[in-house]
Amino acid sequence: MKGVIEEMYINTSRSGKDYLTLVIDGEKYFLWDKKYFNGLEEGKEINYDWSQNGKFKRITNIDYDHEPSQEPTQKVEPLPIDRKTMQMVRMSSLKSASVILQNAQLAPEQKSELTLDLARKFEKYIIEDNHDEEEI
Protein backbone atom coordinates (compact mmCIF):
# COMPACT_ATOMS: atom_id res chain seq x y z
CA MET A 1 0.00 0.00 0.00
CA LYS A 2 1.01 3.60 -0.44
CA GLY A 3 0.21 6.33 2.07
CA VAL A 4 1.29 9.51 3.83
CA ILE A 5 2.30 9.54 7.51
CA GLU A 6 -0.02 12.06 9.17
CA GLU A 7 1.08 11.47 12.77
CA MET A 8 3.73 9.41 14.50
CA TYR A 9 4.77 8.92 18.08
CA ILE A 10 6.74 6.43 20.10
CA ASN A 11 5.36 4.15 22.80
CA THR A 12 6.94 1.56 25.08
CA SER A 13 5.36 -1.81 25.79
CA ARG A 14 5.07 -3.18 29.32
CA SER A 15 8.05 -5.38 28.50
CA GLY A 16 10.11 -2.26 27.71
CA LYS A 17 10.21 -2.55 23.91
CA ASP A 18 9.75 0.66 21.89
CA TYR A 19 7.31 0.78 19.00
CA LEU A 20 5.90 3.51 16.79
CA THR A 21 2.28 4.40 16.37
CA LEU A 22 1.71 5.75 12.87
CA VAL A 23 -1.42 7.35 11.48
CA ILE A 24 -1.37 6.83 7.73
CA ASP A 25 -4.21 8.27 5.66
CA GLY A 26 -6.47 8.28 8.74
CA GLU A 27 -5.71 4.69 9.86
CA LYS A 28 -3.67 3.79 12.96
CA TYR A 29 -0.85 1.27 12.56
CA PHE A 30 1.82 -0.08 14.90
CA LEU A 31 5.46 -0.55 13.87
CA TRP A 32 7.75 -2.73 15.99
CA ASP A 33 10.81 -3.18 13.76
CA LYS A 34 13.34 -0.50 14.79
CA LYS A 35 15.25 -0.77 11.53
CA TYR A 36 12.44 1.28 9.95
CA PHE A 37 12.30 4.01 12.64
CA ASN A 38 15.11 6.07 11.12
CA GLY A 39 13.96 8.26 8.26
CA LEU A 40 10.24 8.22 9.02
CA GLU A 41 8.60 11.59 9.52
CA GLU A 42 5.20 13.17 9.38
CA GLY A 43 4.24 14.13 5.83
CA LYS A 44 6.43 11.43 4.25
CA GLU A 45 4.90 9.15 1.63
CA ILE A 46 5.76 5.48 2.10
CA ASN A 47 4.96 2.10 0.60
CA TYR A 48 4.11 -0.40 3.32
CA ASP A 49 2.69 -3.81 4.05
CA TRP A 50 0.63 -4.60 7.10
CA SER A 51 -1.19 -7.46 8.76
CA GLN A 52 -4.16 -7.61 11.10
CA ASN A 53 -3.44 -8.88 14.62
CA GLY A 54 -6.76 -8.96 16.48
CA LYS A 55 -8.07 -5.42 16.42
CA PHE A 56 -4.62 -3.97 15.67
CA LYS A 57 -2.92 -3.21 12.35
CA ARG A 58 0.78 -4.03 12.39
CA ILE A 59 3.18 -2.75 9.74
CA THR A 60 5.35 -5.62 8.52
CA ASN A 61 7.43 -3.87 5.85
CA ILE A 62 8.19 -0.33 4.71
CA ASP A 63 9.74 0.70 1.40
CA TYR A 64 11.01 4.27 1.13
CA ASP A 65 14.09 6.18 -0.02
CA HIS A 66 16.23 5.33 2.98
CA GLU A 67 18.63 2.58 3.92
CA PRO A 68 17.20 0.87 7.04
CA SER A 69 19.44 0.86 10.12
CA GLN A 70 19.22 -1.01 13.38
CA GLU A 71 18.71 2.02 15.61
CA PRO A 72 16.82 5.27 15.04
CA THR A 73 18.94 8.44 14.81
CA GLN A 74 16.13 10.68 16.04
CA LYS A 75 13.99 10.20 19.10
CA VAL A 76 10.26 10.40 18.47
CA GLU A 77 8.66 11.97 21.52
CA PRO A 78 5.42 10.71 23.11
CA LEU A 79 2.40 12.93 22.68
CA PRO A 80 2.13 15.54 25.43
CA ILE A 81 -0.82 15.33 27.80
CA ASP A 82 -2.49 18.58 28.77
CA ARG A 83 -3.59 19.38 32.32
CA LYS A 84 -7.31 18.79 31.71
CA THR A 85 -6.69 15.38 30.15
CA MET A 86 -4.41 14.44 33.05
CA GLN A 87 -7.12 15.43 35.54
CA MET A 88 -9.66 13.29 33.68
CA VAL A 89 -7.30 10.31 33.69
CA ARG A 90 -6.71 10.72 37.43
CA MET A 91 -10.42 11.03 38.21
CA SER A 92 -11.20 7.96 36.15
CA SER A 93 -8.37 5.99 37.77
CA LEU A 94 -9.50 6.97 41.27
CA LYS A 95 -13.09 6.03 40.52
CA SER A 96 -12.07 2.63 39.14
CA ALA A 97 -9.83 1.92 42.12
CA SER A 98 -12.60 2.99 44.53
CA VAL A 99 -15.12 0.67 42.89
CA ILE A 100 -12.73 -2.27 43.05
CA LEU A 101 -11.97 -1.67 46.73
CA GLN A 102 -15.43 -0.57 47.88
CA ASN A 103 -16.09 -3.79 49.84
CA ALA A 104 -12.59 -4.17 51.27
CA GLN A 105 -12.68 -4.56 55.05
CA LEU A 106 -9.87 -2.17 55.96
CA ALA A 107 -9.32 0.81 58.25
CA PRO A 108 -10.14 4.07 56.43
CA GLU A 109 -6.46 5.12 56.28
CA GLN A 110 -5.44 1.76 54.80
CA LYS A 111 -8.29 1.80 52.33
CA SER A 112 -7.48 5.30 51.10
CA GLU A 113 -3.77 4.45 50.75
CA LEU A 114 -4.53 1.26 48.84
CA THR A 115 -7.01 3.12 46.62
CA LEU A 116 -4.40 5.75 45.72
CA ASP A 117 -1.76 3.08 44.99
CA LEU A 118 -4.12 1.21 42.68
CA ALA A 119 -5.24 4.45 40.99
CA ARG A 120 -1.59 5.37 40.31
CA LYS A 121 -1.08 2.01 38.60
CA PHE A 122 -4.13 2.61 36.40
CA GLU A 123 -2.94 6.14 35.62
CA LYS A 124 0.53 4.94 34.63
CA TYR A 125 -0.94 2.29 32.34
CA ILE A 126 -3.23 4.82 30.64
CA ILE A 127 -0.63 7.59 30.27
CA GLU A 128 2.09 5.36 28.89
CA ASP A 129 -0.31 3.93 26.31
CA ASN A 130 1.52 0.64 26.64
CA HIS A 131 0.53 -2.51 24.86
CA ASP A 132 2.37 -5.77 24.77
CA GLU A 133 3.63 -6.71 21.33
CA GLU A 134 1.49 -9.83 21.45
CA GLU A 135 -1.65 -7.73 21.89
CA ILE A 136 -0.93 -5.58 18.85
C-alpha atoms as a PDB file:
ATOM      1  CA  MET A   1       0.000   0.000   0.000  1.00  0.00           C
ATOM      2  CA  LYS A   2       1.012   3.601  -0.443  1.00  0.00           C
ATOM      3  CA  GLY A   3       0.210   6.333   2.065  1.00  0.00           C
ATOM      4  CA  VAL A   4       1.292   9.508   3.826  1.00  0.00           C
ATOM      5  CA  ILE A   5       2.296   9.542   7.512  1.00  0.00           C
ATOM      6  CA  GLU A   6      -0.025  12.056   9.168  1.00  0.00           C
ATOM      7  CA  GLU A   7       1.076  11.470  12.775  1.00  0.00           C
ATOM      8  CA  MET A   8       3.732   9.413  14.499  1.00  0.00           C
ATOM      9  CA  TYR A   9       4.765   8.917  18.080  1.00  0.00           C
ATOM     10  CA  ILE A  10       6.735   6.430  20.105  1.00  0.00           C
ATOM     11  CA  ASN A  11       5.363   4.153  22.804  1.00  0.00           C
ATOM     12  CA  THR A  12       6.939   1.562  25.076  1.00  0.00           C
ATOM     13  CA  SER A  13       5.359  -1.806  25.787  1.00  0.00           C
ATOM     14  CA  ARG A  14       5.067  -3.183  29.319  1.00  0.00           C
ATOM     15  CA  SER A  15       8.048  -5.377  28.502  1.00  0.00           C
ATOM     16  CA  GLY A  16      10.106  -2.255  27.709  1.00  0.00           C
ATOM     17  CA  LYS A  17      10.214  -2.548  23.908  1.00  0.00           C
ATOM     18  CA  ASP A  18       9.749   0.662  21.895  1.00  0.00           C
ATOM     19  CA  TYR A  19       7.312   0.785  19.001  1.00  0.00           C
ATOM     20  CA  LEU A  20       5.897   3.512  16.791  1.00  0.00           C
ATOM     21  CA  THR A  21       2.276   4.398  16.368  1.00  0.00           C
ATOM     22  CA  LEU A  22       1.714   5.753  12.865  1.00  0.00           C
ATOM     23  CA  VAL A  23      -1.424   7.346  11.480  1.00  0.00           C
ATOM     24  CA  ILE A  24      -1.368   6.834   7.728  1.00  0.00           C
ATOM     25  CA  ASP A  25      -4.212   8.270   5.661  1.00  0.00           C
ATOM     26  CA  GLY A  26      -6.468   8.277   8.743  1.00  0.00           C
ATOM     27  CA  GLU A  27      -5.712   4.692   9.860  1.00  0.00           C
ATOM     28  CA  LYS A  28      -3.671   3.789  12.962  1.00  0.00           C
ATOM     29  CA  TYR A  29      -0.850   1.274  12.555  1.00  0.00           C
ATOM     30  CA  PHE A  30       1.823  -0.079  14.896  1.00  0.00           C
ATOM     31  CA  LEU A  31       5.459  -0.550  13.866  1.00  0.00           C
ATOM     32  CA  TRP A  32       7.748  -2.733  15.987  1.00  0.00           C
ATOM     33  CA  ASP A  33      10.810  -3.175  13.764  1.00  0.00           C
ATOM     34  CA  LYS A  34      13.344  -0.499  14.795  1.00  0.00           C
ATOM     35  CA  LYS A  35      15.252  -0.772  11.527  1.00  0.00           C
ATOM     36  CA  TYR A  36      12.437   1.276   9.949  1.00  0.00           C
ATOM     37  CA  PHE A  37      12.299   4.006  12.635  1.00  0.00           C
ATOM     38  CA  ASN A  38      15.107   6.069  11.119  1.00  0.00           C
ATOM     39  CA  GLY A  39      13.958   8.261   8.262  1.00  0.00           C
ATOM     40  CA  LEU A  40      10.241   8.224   9.024  1.00  0.00           C
ATOM     41  CA  GLU A  41       8.605  11.586   9.520  1.00  0.00           C
ATOM     42  CA  GLU A  42       5.197  13.175   9.376  1.00  0.00           C
ATOM     43  CA  GLY A  43       4.243  14.129   5.826  1.00  0.00           C
ATOM     44  CA  LYS A  44       6.427  11.429   4.248  1.00  0.00           C
ATOM     45  CA  GLU A  45       4.901   9.149   1.632  1.00  0.00           C
ATOM     46  CA  ILE A  46       5.761   5.484   2.101  1.00  0.00           C
ATOM     47  CA  ASN A  47       4.962   2.103   0.599  1.00  0.00           C
ATOM     48  CA  TYR A  48       4.105  -0.400   3.317  1.00  0.00           C
ATOM     49  CA  ASP A  49       2.689  -3.815   4.048  1.00  0.00           C
ATOM     50  CA  TRP A  50       0.631  -4.600   7.104  1.00  0.00           C
ATOM     51  CA  SER A  51      -1.195  -7.457   8.755  1.00  0.00           C
ATOM     52  CA  GLN A  52      -4.161  -7.614  11.100  1.00  0.00           C
ATOM     53  CA  ASN A  53      -3.441  -8.881  14.620  1.00  0.00           C
ATOM     54  CA  GLY A  54      -6.755  -8.961  16.479  1.00  0.00           C
ATOM     55  CA  LYS A  55      -8.071  -5.421  16.422  1.00  0.00           C
ATOM     56  CA  PHE A  56      -4.616  -3.973  15.674  1.00  0.00           C
ATOM     57  CA  LYS A  57      -2.917  -3.214  12.348  1.00  0.00           C
ATOM     58  CA  ARG A  58       0.775  -4.030  12.394  1.00  0.00           C
ATOM     59  CA  ILE A  59       3.180  -2.754   9.740  1.00  0.00           C
ATOM     60  CA  THR A  60       5.350  -5.622   8.524  1.00  0.00           C
ATOM     61  CA  ASN A  61       7.430  -3.871   5.853  1.00  0.00           C
ATOM     62  CA  ILE A  62       8.186  -0.330   4.707  1.00  0.00           C
ATOM     63  CA  ASP A  63       9.743   0.699   1.401  1.00  0.00           C
ATOM     64  CA  TYR A  64      11.013   4.268   1.131  1.00  0.00           C
ATOM     65  CA  ASP A  65      14.093   6.178  -0.022  1.00  0.00           C
ATOM     66  CA  HIS A  66      16.229   5.328   2.979  1.00  0.00           C
ATOM     67  CA  GLU A  67      18.628   2.576   3.921  1.00  0.00           C
ATOM     68  CA  PRO A  68      17.200   0.871   7.040  1.00  0.00           C
ATOM     69  CA  SER A  69      19.441   0.864  10.117  1.00  0.00           C
ATOM     70  CA  GLN A  70      19.223  -1.013  13.383  1.00  0.00           C
ATOM     71  CA  GLU A  71      18.710   2.018  15.615  1.00  0.00           C
ATOM     72  CA  PRO A  72      16.820   5.274  15.044  1.00  0.00           C
ATOM     73  CA  THR A  73      18.936   8.442  14.812  1.00  0.00           C
ATOM     74  CA  GLN A  74      16.128  10.680  16.041  1.00  0.00           C
ATOM     75  CA  LYS A  75      13.991  10.203  19.100  1.00  0.00           C
ATOM     76  CA  VAL A  76      10.257  10.405  18.466  1.00  0.00           C
ATOM     77  CA  GLU A  77       8.660  11.965  21.518  1.00  0.00           C
ATOM     78  CA  PRO A  78       5.424  10.715  23.106  1.00  0.00           C
ATOM     79  CA  LEU A  79       2.396  12.925  22.678  1.00  0.00           C
ATOM     80  CA  PRO A  80       2.130  15.544  25.431  1.00  0.00           C
ATOM     81  CA  ILE A  81      -0.819  15.334  27.805  1.00  0.00           C
ATOM     82  CA  ASP A  82      -2.492  18.583  28.774  1.00  0.00           C
ATOM     83  CA  ARG A  83      -3.588  19.379  32.324  1.00  0.00           C
ATOM     84  CA  LYS A  84      -7.305  18.795  31.712  1.00  0.00           C
ATOM     85  CA  THR A  85      -6.686  15.382  30.146  1.00  0.00           C
ATOM     86  CA  MET A  86      -4.414  14.436  33.047  1.00  0.00           C
ATOM     87  CA  GLN A  87      -7.122  15.435  35.536  1.00  0.00           C
ATOM     88  CA  MET A  88      -9.664  13.289  33.677  1.00  0.00           C
ATOM     89  CA  VAL A  89      -7.302  10.314  33.686  1.00  0.00           C
ATOM     90  CA  ARG A  90      -6.712  10.719  37.430  1.00  0.00           C
ATOM     91  CA  MET A  91     -10.416  11.031  38.214  1.00  0.00           C
ATOM     92  CA  SER A  92     -11.204   7.955  36.149  1.00  0.00           C
ATOM     93  CA  SER A  93      -8.373   5.987  37.772  1.00  0.00           C
ATOM     94  CA  LEU A  94      -9.502   6.970  41.266  1.00  0.00           C
ATOM     95  CA  LYS A  95     -13.095   6.026  40.524  1.00  0.00           C
ATOM     96  CA  SER A  96     -12.072   2.628  39.143  1.00  0.00           C
ATOM     97  CA  ALA A  97      -9.828   1.918  42.124  1.00  0.00           C
ATOM     98  CA  SER A  98     -12.603   2.988  44.528  1.00  0.00           C
ATOM     99  CA  VAL A  99     -15.124   0.666  42.885  1.00  0.00           C
ATOM    100  CA  ILE A 100     -12.735  -2.267  43.048  1.00  0.00           C
ATOM    101  CA  LEU A 101     -11.971  -1.674  46.728  1.00  0.00           C
ATOM    102  CA  GLN A 102     -15.433  -0.573  47.881  1.00  0.00           C
ATOM    103  CA  ASN A 103     -16.095  -3.790  49.842  1.00  0.00           C
ATOM    104  CA  ALA A 104     -12.585  -4.171  51.273  1.00  0.00           C
ATOM    105  CA  GLN A 105     -12.684  -4.562  55.047  1.00  0.00           C
ATOM    106  CA  LEU A 106      -9.866  -2.165  55.963  1.00  0.00           C
ATOM    107  CA  ALA A 107      -9.319   0.806  58.252  1.00  0.00           C
ATOM    108  CA  PRO A 108     -10.137   4.071  56.431  1.00  0.00           C
ATOM    109  CA  GLU A 109      -6.462   5.119  56.276  1.00  0.00           C
ATOM    110  CA  GLN A 110      -5.443   1.757  54.799  1.00  0.00           C
ATOM    111  CA  LYS A 111      -8.287   1.797  52.325  1.00  0.00           C
ATOM    112  CA  SER A 112      -7.478   5.303  51.097  1.00  0.00           C
ATOM    113  CA  GLU A 113      -3.770   4.453  50.754  1.00  0.00           C
ATOM    114  CA  LEU A 114      -4.528   1.264  48.840  1.00  0.00           C
ATOM    115  CA  THR A 115      -7.012   3.115  46.616  1.00  0.00           C
ATOM    116  CA  LEU A 116      -4.399   5.746  45.723  1.00  0.00           C
ATOM    117  CA  ASP A 117      -1.760   3.077  44.991  1.00  0.00           C
ATOM    118  CA  LEU A 118      -4.122   1.215  42.683  1.00  0.00           C
ATOM    119  CA  ALA A 119      -5.242   4.455  40.985  1.00  0.00           C
ATOM    120  CA  ARG A 120      -1.595   5.368  40.305  1.00  0.00           C
ATOM    121  CA  LYS A 121      -1.076   2.007  38.597  1.00  0.00           C
ATOM    122  CA  PHE A 122      -4.135   2.610  36.397  1.00  0.00           C
ATOM    123  CA  GLU A 123      -2.941   6.144  35.621  1.00  0.00           C
ATOM    124  CA  LYS A 124       0.530   4.941  34.631  1.00  0.00           C
ATOM    125  CA  TYR A 125      -0.940   2.295  32.338  1.00  0.00           C
ATOM    126  CA  ILE A 126      -3.229   4.820  30.642  1.00  0.00           C
ATOM    127  CA  ILE A 127      -0.634   7.591  30.271  1.00  0.00           C
ATOM    128  CA  GLU A 128       2.092   5.357  28.890  1.00  0.00           C
ATOM    129  CA  ASP A 129      -0.315   3.930  26.312  1.00  0.00           C
ATOM    130  CA  ASN A 130       1.522   0.642  26.644  1.00  0.00           C
ATOM    131  CA  HIS A 131       0.526  -2.513  24.858  1.00  0.00           C
ATOM    132  CA  ASP A 132       2.368  -5.767  24.772  1.00  0.00           C
ATOM    133  CA  GLU A 133       3.626  -6.709  21.333  1.00  0.00           C
ATOM    134  CA  GLU A 134       1.492  -9.830  21.449  1.00  0.00           C
ATOM    135  CA  GLU A 135      -1.654  -7.734  21.885  1.00  0.00           C
ATOM    136  CA  ILE A 136      -0.932  -5.582  18.852  1.00  0.00           C
END
